[in-house]
Protein backbone atom coordinates (compact mmCIF):
# COMPACT_ATOMS: atom_id res chain seq x y z
CA MET A 1 132.87 49.70 2.00
CA PHE A 2 136.13 51.35 3.18
CA LYS A 3 138.46 49.62 5.64
CA SER A 4 140.86 52.51 6.29
CA ILE A 5 140.51 56.27 5.71
CA LEU A 6 143.31 58.85 5.49
CA VAL A 7 142.62 62.51 6.27
CA PRO A 8 145.44 64.99 5.59
CA PHE A 9 144.98 67.79 8.11
CA ASP A 10 146.66 71.22 8.21
CA GLY A 11 144.30 72.96 10.64
CA SER A 12 142.52 75.01 7.96
CA LYS A 13 138.73 75.34 7.77
CA GLY A 14 138.77 73.19 4.61
CA ALA A 15 140.70 70.47 6.44
CA GLU A 16 138.23 70.63 9.34
CA ARG A 17 135.29 70.16 6.93
CA ALA A 18 137.08 67.22 5.29
CA LEU A 19 137.81 65.67 8.68
CA LEU A 20 134.16 65.92 9.75
CA LYS A 21 133.09 64.35 6.43
CA ALA A 22 135.61 61.54 6.99
CA VAL A 23 134.22 60.97 10.50
CA GLU A 24 130.75 60.73 8.97
CA LEU A 25 132.03 58.28 6.34
CA ALA A 26 133.85 56.20 8.96
CA THR A 27 130.69 55.98 11.05
CA VAL A 28 128.59 54.87 8.07
CA CYS A 29 131.21 52.22 7.27
CA GLY A 30 131.01 50.70 10.76
CA ASN A 31 133.64 52.62 12.74
CA THR A 32 136.31 52.41 10.06
CA PRO A 33 139.76 53.45 11.37
CA LEU A 34 140.84 57.00 10.51
CA SER A 35 144.44 58.09 10.08
CA LEU A 36 145.02 61.83 10.38
CA LEU A 37 148.23 63.11 8.78
CA THR A 38 149.83 66.53 9.18
CA VAL A 39 152.71 67.18 6.77
CA TYR A 40 155.39 69.79 7.39
CA LYS A 41 158.22 70.88 5.13
CA HIS A 42 161.90 70.40 5.84
CA HIS A 43 163.78 73.70 5.85
CA SER A 44 167.10 74.35 4.17
CA MET A 45 170.34 74.87 6.02
CA LEU A 46 170.09 78.60 5.25
CA GLU A 47 166.74 78.81 7.00
CA ALA A 48 168.01 76.63 9.83
CA SER A 49 171.00 78.96 10.27
CA PHE A 50 168.62 81.65 11.52
CA ALA A 51 168.50 79.61 14.73
CA ILE A 52 172.00 80.92 15.41
CA VAL A 53 170.45 84.30 16.12
CA ARG A 54 168.80 82.76 19.22
CA PRO A 55 171.70 80.95 20.94
CA ASP A 56 169.70 80.38 24.15
CA GLU A 57 167.13 78.26 22.26
CA ASN A 58 168.30 74.79 21.22
CA GLU A 59 165.53 73.91 18.81
CA SER A 60 166.21 73.96 15.09
CA VAL A 61 163.63 75.17 12.59
CA ASP A 62 162.80 71.53 11.79
CA ASP A 63 162.23 70.81 15.49
CA VAL A 64 159.85 73.76 15.75
CA MET A 65 158.00 72.69 12.58
CA ARG A 66 157.75 69.08 13.80
CA HIS A 67 156.42 70.21 17.17
CA HIS A 68 153.85 72.49 15.52
CA ALA A 69 152.76 69.69 13.13
CA ARG A 70 152.24 67.35 16.06
CA GLU A 71 150.11 69.98 17.82
CA VAL A 72 148.00 70.47 14.69
CA ALA A 73 147.57 66.70 14.32
CA GLU A 74 146.49 66.38 17.95
CA GLN A 75 144.00 69.25 17.51
CA GLY A 76 142.52 67.41 14.54
CA LYS A 77 142.39 64.19 16.50
CA GLN A 78 140.51 65.94 19.31
CA LEU A 79 138.08 67.44 16.78
CA ALA A 80 137.38 63.95 15.39
CA LEU A 81 136.93 62.48 18.88
CA ASN A 82 134.49 65.28 19.74
CA ALA A 83 132.57 64.50 16.52
CA GLY A 84 132.12 60.89 17.63
CA CYS A 85 135.05 59.10 16.01
CA ALA A 86 136.42 56.50 18.40
CA ASN A 87 139.02 54.96 16.10
CA ILE A 88 141.57 57.60 15.07
CA ARG A 89 145.35 57.90 15.05
CA ALA A 90 147.28 61.12 14.37
CA PHE A 91 150.64 61.34 12.58
CA ALA A 92 153.07 64.12 11.61
CA LYS A 93 155.56 63.60 8.78
CA SER A 94 158.05 65.77 6.93
CA GLY A 95 158.24 66.01 3.17
CA PRO A 96 156.68 67.39 0.01
CA THR A 97 153.01 67.60 0.91
CA ALA A 98 151.21 65.75 -1.90
CA ARG A 99 153.83 63.03 -2.32
CA THR A 100 154.02 62.46 1.43
CA ILE A 101 150.24 62.07 1.62
CA VAL A 102 150.15 59.61 -1.28
CA GLY A 103 153.14 57.67 0.07
CA PHE A 104 151.54 57.45 3.51
CA ALA A 105 148.28 56.17 1.98
CA ARG A 106 150.18 53.52 0.04
CA GLU A 107 152.30 52.48 3.03
CA HIS A 108 149.30 52.22 5.37
CA GLN A 109 147.03 50.70 2.70
CA ASN A 110 144.34 53.36 3.10
CA ASP A 111 141.27 52.73 0.93
CA VAL A 112 140.35 56.39 0.47
CA ILE A 113 141.88 59.83 1.06
CA VAL A 114 139.51 62.58 2.23
CA LEU A 115 140.95 66.09 2.03
CA GLY A 116 139.91 69.71 1.79
CA SER A 117 139.90 71.51 -1.53
CA ARG A 118 141.87 74.42 -0.04
CA GLY A 119 144.26 74.49 2.87
CA LEU A 120 147.01 76.62 4.31
CA GLY A 121 149.24 76.25 1.23
CA SER A 122 151.91 78.72 0.21
CA ILE A 123 152.52 80.59 -3.03
CA GLU A 124 153.79 77.24 -4.35
CA GLY A 125 150.16 76.13 -4.54
CA TYR A 126 149.39 78.95 -6.96
CA LEU A 127 152.41 78.23 -9.14
CA LEU A 128 152.39 74.43 -9.23
CA GLY A 129 148.76 73.51 -8.51
CA SER A 130 146.91 72.72 -5.34
CA VAL A 131 147.72 69.82 -3.03
CA SER A 132 144.26 68.31 -3.55
CA HIS A 133 144.78 68.34 -7.31
CA LYS A 134 148.21 66.70 -7.01
CA VAL A 135 146.97 64.07 -4.56
CA ALA A 136 144.04 63.22 -6.84
CA GLY A 137 146.46 62.78 -9.73
CA LEU A 138 149.04 60.70 -7.86
CA ALA A 139 146.93 58.52 -5.57
CA GLU A 140 146.23 54.88 -6.37
CA CYS A 141 143.12 54.89 -4.20
CA PRO A 142 139.96 57.02 -4.46
CA VAL A 143 140.26 60.64 -3.33
CA LEU A 144 137.30 62.56 -1.93
CA VAL A 145 137.87 66.33 -2.12
CA VAL A 146 135.56 68.23 0.26
């Protein structure tokens, strides 16, 4: 049925439900590989300049965001492993959330994207529309919103 499943994961309860549904789907499809993707946003130079306030810490805001995204992705991976998924890889990428998800799915030739209907979005989600709505509109493959 599906040969490759993408699960965007931000650590929210909705993302956890979507991940567990994707694990179930992967199992039904004969241990289909799962890709778990955590997307973080690049911060502007103004925001990065706040790092100057902490001269003893070398990490930029982007470094901190990347590190946090990797931790969230690994937490999701562990959740999937605990749920019985043996074939999962976790990724963290920077960029606009919906477009990064769709681009990743295209690049990795995922057959379906499984994502939560609500995540940890910002006020941008209220002004411009939710990530799940944008992904469903932009994706070339089927999208399952949980």
